[in-house]
All heavy atoms as atom14 arrays in JSON, in Angstrom:
{
  "sequence": "GITAGIVALPLALAFGVSSGLGPSAGLYGAIFISFFAAL",
  "atom14_mask": [
    [1, 1, 1, 1, 0, 0, 0, 0, 0, 0, 0, 0, 0, 0],
    [1, 1, 1, 1, 1, 1, 1, 1, 0, 0, 0, 0, 0, 0],
    [1, 1, 1, 1, 1, 1, 1, 0, 0, 0, 0, 0, 0, 0],
    [1, 1, 1, 1, 1, 0, 0, 0, 0, 0, 0, 0, 0, 0],
    [1, 1, 1, 1, 0, 0, 0, 0, 0, 0, 0, 0, 0, 0],
    [1, 1, 1, 1, 1, 1, 1, 1, 0, 0, 0, 0, 0, 0],
    [1, 1, 1, 1, 1, 1, 1, 0, 0, 0, 0, 0, 0, 0],
    [1, 1, 1, 1, 1, 0, 0, 0, 0, 0, 0, 0, 0, 0],
    [1, 1, 1, 1, 1, 1, 1, 1, 0, 0, 0, 0, 0, 0],
    [1, 1, 1, 1, 1, 1, 1, 0, 0, 0, 0, 0, 0, 0],
    [1, 1, 1, 1, 1, 1, 1, 1, 0, 0, 0, 0, 0, 0],
    [1, 1, 1, 1, 1, 0, 0, 0, 0, 0, 0, 0, 0, 0],
    [1, 1, 1, 1, 1, 1, 1, 1, 0, 0, 0, 0, 0, 0],
    [1, 1, 1, 1, 1, 0, 0, 0, 0, 0, 0, 0, 0, 0],
    [1, 1, 1, 1, 1, 1, 1, 1, 1, 1, 1, 0, 0, 0],
    [1, 1, 1, 1, 0, 0, 0, 0, 0, 0, 0, 0, 0, 0],
    [1, 1, 1, 1, 1, 1, 1, 0, 0, 0, 0, 0, 0, 0],
    [1, 1, 1, 1, 1, 1, 0, 0, 0, 0, 0, 0, 0, 0],
    [1, 1, 1, 1, 1, 1, 0, 0, 0, 0, 0, 0, 0, 0],
    [1, 1, 1, 1, 0, 0, 0, 0, 0, 0, 0, 0, 0, 0],
    [1, 1, 1, 1, 1, 1, 1, 1, 0, 0, 0, 0, 0, 0],
    [1, 1, 1, 1, 0, 0, 0, 0, 0, 0, 0, 0, 0, 0],
    [1, 1, 1, 1, 1, 1, 1, 0, 0, 0, 0, 0, 0, 0],
    [1, 1, 1, 1, 1, 1, 0, 0, 0, 0, 0, 0, 0, 0],
    [1, 1, 1, 1, 1, 0, 0, 0, 0, 0, 0, 0, 0, 0],
    [1, 1, 1, 1, 0, 0, 0, 0, 0, 0, 0, 0, 0, 0],
    [1, 1, 1, 1, 1, 1, 1, 1, 0, 0, 0, 0, 0, 0],
    [1, 1, 1, 1, 1, 1, 1, 1, 1, 1, 1, 1, 0, 0],
    [1, 1, 1, 1, 0, 0, 0, 0, 0, 0, 0, 0, 0, 0],
    [1, 1, 1, 1, 1, 0, 0, 0, 0, 0, 0, 0, 0, 0],
    [1, 1, 1, 1, 1, 1, 1, 1, 0, 0, 0, 0, 0, 0],
    [1, 1, 1, 1, 1, 1, 1, 1, 1, 1, 1, 0, 0, 0],
    [1, 1, 1, 1, 1, 1, 1, 1, 0, 0, 0, 0, 0, 0],
    [1, 1, 1, 1, 1, 1, 0, 0, 0, 0, 0, 0, 0, 0],
    [1, 1, 1, 1, 1, 1, 1, 1, 1, 1, 1, 0, 0, 0],
    [1, 1, 1, 1, 1, 1, 1, 1, 1, 1, 1, 0, 0, 0],
    [1, 1, 1, 1, 1, 0, 0, 0, 0, 0, 0, 0, 0, 0],
    [1, 1, 1, 1, 1, 0, 0, 0, 0, 0, 0, 0, 0, 0],
    [1, 1, 1, 1, 1, 1, 1, 1, 0, 0, 0, 0, 0, 0]
  ],
  "atom14_positions": [
    [[133.84, 155.51, 52.24], [133.74, 156.47, 51.16], [134.6, 157.7, 51.37], [135.26, 158.18, 50.45], [0.0, 0.0, 0.0], [0.0, 0.0, 0.0], [0.0, 0.0, 0.0], [0.0, 0.0, 0.0], [0.0, 0.0, 0.0], [0.0, 0.0, 0.0], [0.0, 0.0, 0.0], [0.0, 0.0, 0.0], [0.0, 0.0, 0.0], [0.0, 0.0, 0.0]],
    [[134.6, 158.22, 52.61], [135.41, 159.4, 52.91], [136.89, 159.1, 52.75], [137.65, 159.87, 52.15], [135.11, 159.91, 54.34], [133.7, 160.5, 54.39], [136.15, 160.94, 54.79], [133.25, 160.9, 55.79], [0.0, 0.0, 0.0], [0.0, 0.0, 0.0], [0.0, 0.0, 0.0], [0.0, 0.0, 0.0], [0.0, 0.0, 0.0], [0.0, 0.0, 0.0]],
    [[137.32, 157.94, 53.27], [138.74, 157.57, 53.16], [139.15, 157.37, 51.7], [140.2, 157.86, 51.27], [139.01, 156.27, 53.94], [138.53, 156.41, 55.28], [140.5, 155.97, 53.98], [0.0, 0.0, 0.0], [0.0, 0.0, 0.0], [0.0, 0.0, 0.0], [0.0, 0.0, 0.0], [0.0, 0.0, 0.0], [0.0, 0.0, 0.0], [0.0, 0.0, 0.0]],
    [[138.31, 156.68, 50.95], [138.62, 156.45, 49.53], [138.63, 157.76, 48.76], [139.47, 157.96, 47.86], [137.6, 155.49, 48.92], [0.0, 0.0, 0.0], [0.0, 0.0, 0.0], [0.0, 0.0, 0.0], [0.0, 0.0, 0.0], [0.0, 0.0, 0.0], [0.0, 0.0, 0.0], [0.0, 0.0, 0.0], [0.0, 0.0, 0.0], [0.0, 0.0, 0.0]],
    [[137.72, 158.69, 49.1], [137.69, 159.99, 48.44], [138.94, 160.8, 48.72], [139.47, 161.48, 47.82], [0.0, 0.0, 0.0], [0.0, 0.0, 0.0], [0.0, 0.0, 0.0], [0.0, 0.0, 0.0], [0.0, 0.0, 0.0], [0.0, 0.0, 0.0], [0.0, 0.0, 0.0], [0.0, 0.0, 0.0], [0.0, 0.0, 0.0], [0.0, 0.0, 0.0]],
    [[139.43, 160.72, 49.96], [140.66, 161.43, 50.32], [141.85, 160.87, 49.54], [142.7, 161.61, 49.05], [140.9, 161.33, 51.84], [139.85, 162.16, 52.58], [142.3, 161.79, 52.21], [139.85, 161.97, 54.08], [0.0, 0.0, 0.0], [0.0, 0.0, 0.0], [0.0, 0.0, 0.0], [0.0, 0.0, 0.0], [0.0, 0.0, 0.0], [0.0, 0.0, 0.0]],
    [[141.89, 159.54, 49.42], [142.97, 158.9, 48.64], [142.87, 159.31, 47.18], [143.88, 159.51, 46.5], [142.9, 157.36, 48.78], [143.88, 156.68, 47.83], [143.17, 156.95, 50.22], [0.0, 0.0, 0.0], [0.0, 0.0, 0.0], [0.0, 0.0, 0.0], [0.0, 0.0, 0.0], [0.0, 0.0, 0.0], [0.0, 0.0, 0.0], [0.0, 0.0, 0.0]],
    [[141.63, 159.44, 46.67], [141.42, 159.73, 45.25], [141.79, 161.16, 44.88], [142.16, 161.44, 43.74], [139.96, 159.47, 44.88], [0.0, 0.0, 0.0], [0.0, 0.0, 0.0], [0.0, 0.0, 0.0], [0.0, 0.0, 0.0], [0.0, 0.0, 0.0], [0.0, 0.0, 0.0], [0.0, 0.0, 0.0], [0.0, 0.0, 0.0], [0.0, 0.0, 0.0]],
    [[141.72, 162.11, 45.85], [141.9, 163.53, 45.55], [143.24, 163.83, 44.85], [143.23, 164.39, 43.75], [141.75, 164.36, 46.82], [142.07, 165.85, 46.68], [141.1, 166.5, 45.7], [142.02, 166.54, 48.03], [0.0, 0.0, 0.0], [0.0, 0.0, 0.0], [0.0, 0.0, 0.0], [0.0, 0.0, 0.0], [0.0, 0.0, 0.0], [0.0, 0.0, 0.0]],
    [[144.37, 163.51, 45.46], [145.64, 163.86, 44.79], [145.82, 163.14, 43.46], [146.39, 163.71, 42.52], [146.7, 163.44, 45.81], [146.04, 162.45, 46.7], [144.6, 162.85, 46.76], [0.0, 0.0, 0.0], [0.0, 0.0, 0.0], [0.0, 0.0, 0.0], [0.0, 0.0, 0.0], [0.0, 0.0, 0.0], [0.0, 0.0, 0.0], [0.0, 0.0, 0.0]],
    [[145.33, 161.92, 43.38], [145.47, 161.17, 42.12], [144.61, 161.79, 41.03], [145.03, 161.89, 39.87], [145.07, 159.71, 42.34], [145.96, 158.92, 43.3], [145.39, 157.53, 43.52], [147.38, 158.81, 42.75], [0.0, 0.0, 0.0], [0.0, 0.0, 0.0], [0.0, 0.0, 0.0], [0.0, 0.0, 0.0], [0.0, 0.0, 0.0], [0.0, 0.0, 0.0]],
    [[143.4, 162.22, 41.39], [142.52, 162.85, 40.4], [143.15, 164.12, 39.84], [143.15, 164.35, 38.62], [141.17, 163.16, 41.03], [0.0, 0.0, 0.0], [0.0, 0.0, 0.0], [0.0, 0.0, 0.0], [0.0, 0.0, 0.0], [0.0, 0.0, 0.0], [0.0, 0.0, 0.0], [0.0, 0.0, 0.0], [0.0, 0.0, 0.0], [0.0, 0.0, 0.0]],
    [[143.71, 164.94, 40.72], [144.37, 166.16, 40.27], [145.58, 165.84, 39.39], [145.79, 166.47, 38.34], [144.81, 166.99, 41.48], [143.7, 167.54, 42.39], [144.29, 168.15, 43.65], [142.86, 168.56, 41.64], [0.0, 0.0, 0.0], [0.0, 0.0, 0.0], [0.0, 0.0, 0.0], [0.0, 0.0, 0.0], [0.0, 0.0, 0.0], [0.0, 0.0, 0.0]],
    [[146.36, 164.86, 39.83], [147.58, 164.49, 39.08], [147.24, 163.92, 37.71], [147.87, 164.27, 36.7], [148.4, 163.49, 39.89], [0.0, 0.0, 0.0], [0.0, 0.0, 0.0], [0.0, 0.0, 0.0], [0.0, 0.0, 0.0], [0.0, 0.0, 0.0], [0.0, 0.0, 0.0], [0.0, 0.0, 0.0], [0.0, 0.0, 0.0], [0.0, 0.0, 0.0]],
    [[146.25, 163.04, 37.65], [145.88, 162.45, 36.36], [145.3, 163.51, 35.42], [145.5, 163.45, 34.21], [144.88, 161.31, 36.57], [145.49, 160.07, 37.15], [144.82, 159.35, 38.15], [146.72, 159.61, 36.73], [145.37, 158.2, 38.69], [147.29, 158.46, 37.28], [146.6, 157.76, 38.26], [0.0, 0.0, 0.0], [0.0, 0.0, 0.0], [0.0, 0.0, 0.0]],
    [[144.58, 164.47, 35.98], [144.05, 165.55, 35.15], [145.16, 166.36, 34.52], [145.12, 166.67, 33.32], [0.0, 0.0, 0.0], [0.0, 0.0, 0.0], [0.0, 0.0, 0.0], [0.0, 0.0, 0.0], [0.0, 0.0, 0.0], [0.0, 0.0, 0.0], [0.0, 0.0, 0.0], [0.0, 0.0, 0.0], [0.0, 0.0, 0.0], [0.0, 0.0, 0.0]],
    [[146.18, 166.71, 35.31], [147.32, 167.46, 34.79], [148.05, 166.64, 33.74], [148.42, 167.13, 32.66], [148.27, 167.85, 35.93], [149.56, 168.44, 35.38], [147.61, 168.84, 36.87], [0.0, 0.0, 0.0], [0.0, 0.0, 0.0], [0.0, 0.0, 0.0], [0.0, 0.0, 0.0], [0.0, 0.0, 0.0], [0.0, 0.0, 0.0], [0.0, 0.0, 0.0]],
    [[148.27, 165.36, 34.02], [148.99, 164.48, 33.1], [148.25, 164.33, 31.78], [148.88, 164.24, 30.72], [149.18, 163.1, 33.75], [149.8, 162.21, 32.85], [0.0, 0.0, 0.0], [0.0, 0.0, 0.0], [0.0, 0.0, 0.0], [0.0, 0.0, 0.0], [0.0, 0.0, 0.0], [0.0, 0.0, 0.0], [0.0, 0.0, 0.0], [0.0, 0.0, 0.0]],
    [[146.93, 164.32, 31.82], [146.15, 164.11, 30.59], [146.3, 165.26, 29.61], [146.16, 165.08, 28.4], [144.67, 163.93, 30.94], [144.09, 165.16, 31.34], [0.0, 0.0, 0.0], [0.0, 0.0, 0.0], [0.0, 0.0, 0.0], [0.0, 0.0, 0.0], [0.0, 0.0, 0.0], [0.0, 0.0, 0.0], [0.0, 0.0, 0.0], [0.0, 0.0, 0.0]],
    [[146.56, 166.47, 30.12], [146.66, 167.64, 29.27], [145.46, 168.54, 29.34], [145.46, 169.63, 28.76], [0.0, 0.0, 0.0], [0.0, 0.0, 0.0], [0.0, 0.0, 0.0], [0.0, 0.0, 0.0], [0.0, 0.0, 0.0], [0.0, 0.0, 0.0], [0.0, 0.0, 0.0], [0.0, 0.0, 0.0], [0.0, 0.0, 0.0], [0.0, 0.0, 0.0]],
    [[144.41, 168.12, 30.06], [143.2, 168.94, 30.19], [143.15, 169.72, 31.5], [142.2, 170.48, 31.73], [141.95, 168.06, 30.06], [141.68, 167.43, 28.7], [140.36, 166.7, 28.7], [141.7, 168.48, 27.59], [0.0, 0.0, 0.0], [0.0, 0.0, 0.0], [0.0, 0.0, 0.0], [0.0, 0.0, 0.0], [0.0, 0.0, 0.0], [0.0, 0.0, 0.0]],
    [[144.13, 169.5, 32.37], [144.18, 170.25, 33.61], [143.58, 169.51, 34.79], [142.85, 168.53, 34.62], [0.0, 0.0, 0.0], [0.0, 0.0, 0.0], [0.0, 0.0, 0.0], [0.0, 0.0, 0.0], [0.0, 0.0, 0.0], [0.0, 0.0, 0.0], [0.0, 0.0, 0.0], [0.0, 0.0, 0.0], [0.0, 0.0, 0.0], [0.0, 0.0, 0.0]],
    [[143.89, 169.97, 36.02], [143.45, 169.27, 37.23], [141.94, 169.18, 37.38], [141.41, 168.22, 37.92], [144.06, 170.11, 38.37], [144.32, 171.46, 37.75], [144.65, 171.2, 36.32], [0.0, 0.0, 0.0], [0.0, 0.0, 0.0], [0.0, 0.0, 0.0], [0.0, 0.0, 0.0], [0.0, 0.0, 0.0], [0.0, 0.0, 0.0], [0.0, 0.0, 0.0]],
    [[141.22, 170.19, 36.87], [139.76, 170.17, 37.0], [139.15, 168.99, 36.25], [138.17, 168.39, 36.71], [139.17, 171.48, 36.49], [139.53, 171.71, 35.13], [0.0, 0.0, 0.0], [0.0, 0.0, 0.0], [0.0, 0.0, 0.0], [0.0, 0.0, 0.0], [0.0, 0.0, 0.0], [0.0, 0.0, 0.0], [0.0, 0.0, 0.0], [0.0, 0.0, 0.0]],
    [[139.73, 168.61, 35.09], [139.21, 167.48, 34.31], [139.36, 166.18, 35.09], [138.47, 165.32, 35.05], [139.94, 167.37, 32.97], [0.0, 0.0, 0.0], [0.0, 0.0, 0.0], [0.0, 0.0, 0.0], [0.0, 0.0, 0.0], [0.0, 0.0, 0.0], [0.0, 0.0, 0.0], [0.0, 0.0, 0.0], [0.0, 0.0, 0.0], [0.0, 0.0, 0.0]],
    [[140.47, 166.04, 35.8], [140.66, 164.84, 36.62], [139.69, 164.8, 37.78], [139.13, 163.75, 38.1], [0.0, 0.0, 0.0], [0.0, 0.0, 0.0], [0.0, 0.0, 0.0], [0.0, 0.0, 0.0], [0.0, 0.0, 0.0], [0.0, 0.0, 0.0], [0.0, 0.0, 0.0], [0.0, 0.0, 0.0], [0.0, 0.0, 0.0], [0.0, 0.0, 0.0]],
    [[139.45, 165.97, 38.39], [138.53, 166.04, 39.53], [137.08, 165.8, 39.08], [136.33, 165.06, 39.73], [138.65, 167.42, 40.19], [138.17, 167.55, 41.64], [138.8, 166.48, 42.52], [138.49, 168.94, 42.18], [0.0, 0.0, 0.0], [0.0, 0.0, 0.0], [0.0, 0.0, 0.0], [0.0, 0.0, 0.0], [0.0, 0.0, 0.0], [0.0, 0.0, 0.0]],
    [[136.69, 166.38, 37.95], [135.34, 166.15, 37.43], [135.12, 164.68, 37.11], [134.06, 164.11, 37.41], [135.1, 166.98, 36.15], [135.1, 168.48, 36.36], [135.21, 169.35, 35.27], [134.99, 169.04, 37.63], [135.22, 170.72, 35.43], [135.0, 170.42, 37.8], [135.12, 171.26, 36.7], [135.13, 172.61, 36.86], [0.0, 0.0, 0.0], [0.0, 0.0, 0.0]],
    [[136.13, 164.06, 36.48], [136.02, 162.64, 36.16], [135.85, 161.81, 37.42], [135.01, 160.9, 37.48], [0.0, 0.0, 0.0], [0.0, 0.0, 0.0], [0.0, 0.0, 0.0], [0.0, 0.0, 0.0], [0.0, 0.0, 0.0], [0.0, 0.0, 0.0], [0.0, 0.0, 0.0], [0.0, 0.0, 0.0], [0.0, 0.0, 0.0], [0.0, 0.0, 0.0]],
    [[136.64, 162.11, 38.45], [136.57, 161.36, 39.71], [135.2, 161.51, 40.37], [134.65, 160.55, 40.9], [137.67, 161.83, 40.65], [0.0, 0.0, 0.0], [0.0, 0.0, 0.0], [0.0, 0.0, 0.0], [0.0, 0.0, 0.0], [0.0, 0.0, 0.0], [0.0, 0.0, 0.0], [0.0, 0.0, 0.0], [0.0, 0.0, 0.0], [0.0, 0.0, 0.0]],
    [[134.65, 162.7, 40.33], [133.35, 162.96, 40.98], [132.24, 162.14, 40.32], [131.51, 161.38, 40.97], [133.0, 164.46, 40.91], [133.93, 165.27, 41.82], [131.54, 164.7, 41.32], [133.87, 166.77, 41.61], [0.0, 0.0, 0.0], [0.0, 0.0, 0.0], [0.0, 0.0, 0.0], [0.0, 0.0, 0.0], [0.0, 0.0, 0.0], [0.0, 0.0, 0.0]],
    [[132.09, 162.29, 39.01], [130.95, 161.69, 38.32], [131.11, 160.18, 38.12], [130.14, 159.43, 38.25], [130.73, 162.39, 36.98], [130.24, 163.8, 37.14], [131.09, 164.87, 36.94], [128.93, 164.06, 37.51], [130.66, 166.18, 37.1], [128.48, 165.36, 37.68], [129.34, 166.43, 37.48], [0.0, 0.0, 0.0], [0.0, 0.0, 0.0], [0.0, 0.0, 0.0]],
    [[132.32, 159.73, 37.82], [132.51, 158.29, 37.63], [132.33, 157.56, 38.95], [131.69, 156.51, 39.02], [133.9, 158.0, 37.02], [134.01, 158.64, 35.64], [134.13, 156.49, 36.9], [135.42, 158.64, 35.08], [0.0, 0.0, 0.0], [0.0, 0.0, 0.0], [0.0, 0.0, 0.0], [0.0, 0.0, 0.0], [0.0, 0.0, 0.0], [0.0, 0.0, 0.0]],
    [[132.89, 158.11, 40.02], [132.77, 157.47, 41.33], [131.31, 157.32, 41.73], [130.87, 156.25, 42.17], [133.53, 158.28, 42.38], [133.4, 157.68, 43.65], [0.0, 0.0, 0.0], [0.0, 0.0, 0.0], [0.0, 0.0, 0.0], [0.0, 0.0, 0.0], [0.0, 0.0, 0.0], [0.0, 0.0, 0.0], [0.0, 0.0, 0.0], [0.0, 0.0, 0.0]],
    [[130.52, 158.4, 41.56], [129.13, 158.38, 42.01], [128.27, 157.45, 41.14], [127.58, 156.56, 41.64], [128.55, 159.8, 41.99], [127.17, 159.9, 42.56], [126.97, 160.12, 43.91], [126.05, 159.78, 41.74], [125.69, 160.2, 44.45], [124.77, 159.85, 42.26], [124.58, 160.07, 43.62], [0.0, 0.0, 0.0], [0.0, 0.0, 0.0], [0.0, 0.0, 0.0]],
    [[128.31, 157.65, 39.82], [127.37, 156.93, 38.95], [127.8, 155.48, 38.68], [126.93, 154.62, 38.52], [127.2, 157.7, 37.64], [126.39, 158.95, 37.8], [127.02, 160.2, 37.86], [125.02, 158.89, 37.94], [126.28, 161.35, 38.03], [124.26, 160.05, 38.11], [124.9, 161.28, 38.16], [0.0, 0.0, 0.0], [0.0, 0.0, 0.0], [0.0, 0.0, 0.0]],
    [[129.1, 155.22, 38.65], [129.53, 153.83, 38.49], [129.15, 153.01, 39.71], [128.8, 151.83, 39.61], [131.05, 153.76, 38.25], [0.0, 0.0, 0.0], [0.0, 0.0, 0.0], [0.0, 0.0, 0.0], [0.0, 0.0, 0.0], [0.0, 0.0, 0.0], [0.0, 0.0, 0.0], [0.0, 0.0, 0.0], [0.0, 0.0, 0.0], [0.0, 0.0, 0.0]],
    [[129.21, 153.64, 40.9], [128.78, 152.95, 42.12], [127.27, 152.73, 42.12], [126.78, 151.65, 42.46], [129.2, 153.76, 43.35], [0.0, 0.0, 0.0], [0.0, 0.0, 0.0], [0.0, 0.0, 0.0], [0.0, 0.0, 0.0], [0.0, 0.0, 0.0], [0.0, 0.0, 0.0], [0.0, 0.0, 0.0], [0.0, 0.0, 0.0], [0.0, 0.0, 0.0]],
    [[126.52, 153.75, 41.71], [125.06, 153.69, 41.73], [124.52, 152.62, 40.77], [123.62, 151.85, 41.13], [124.48, 155.06, 41.38], [122.95, 155.17, 41.33], [122.34, 154.83, 42.7], [122.53, 156.56, 40.88], [0.0, 0.0, 0.0], [0.0, 0.0, 0.0], [0.0, 0.0, 0.0], [0.0, 0.0, 0.0], [0.0, 0.0, 0.0], [0.0, 0.0, 0.0]]
  ]
}
């Protein structure tokens, strides 16, 4: 989980910026989707 989270960090920020909503939107998506989709 820690390794996958580290890999996900730069991608989450980059996808957030690319989407047009900013890096925080990418990070929020990564946090909640990762946790609840796994659960």
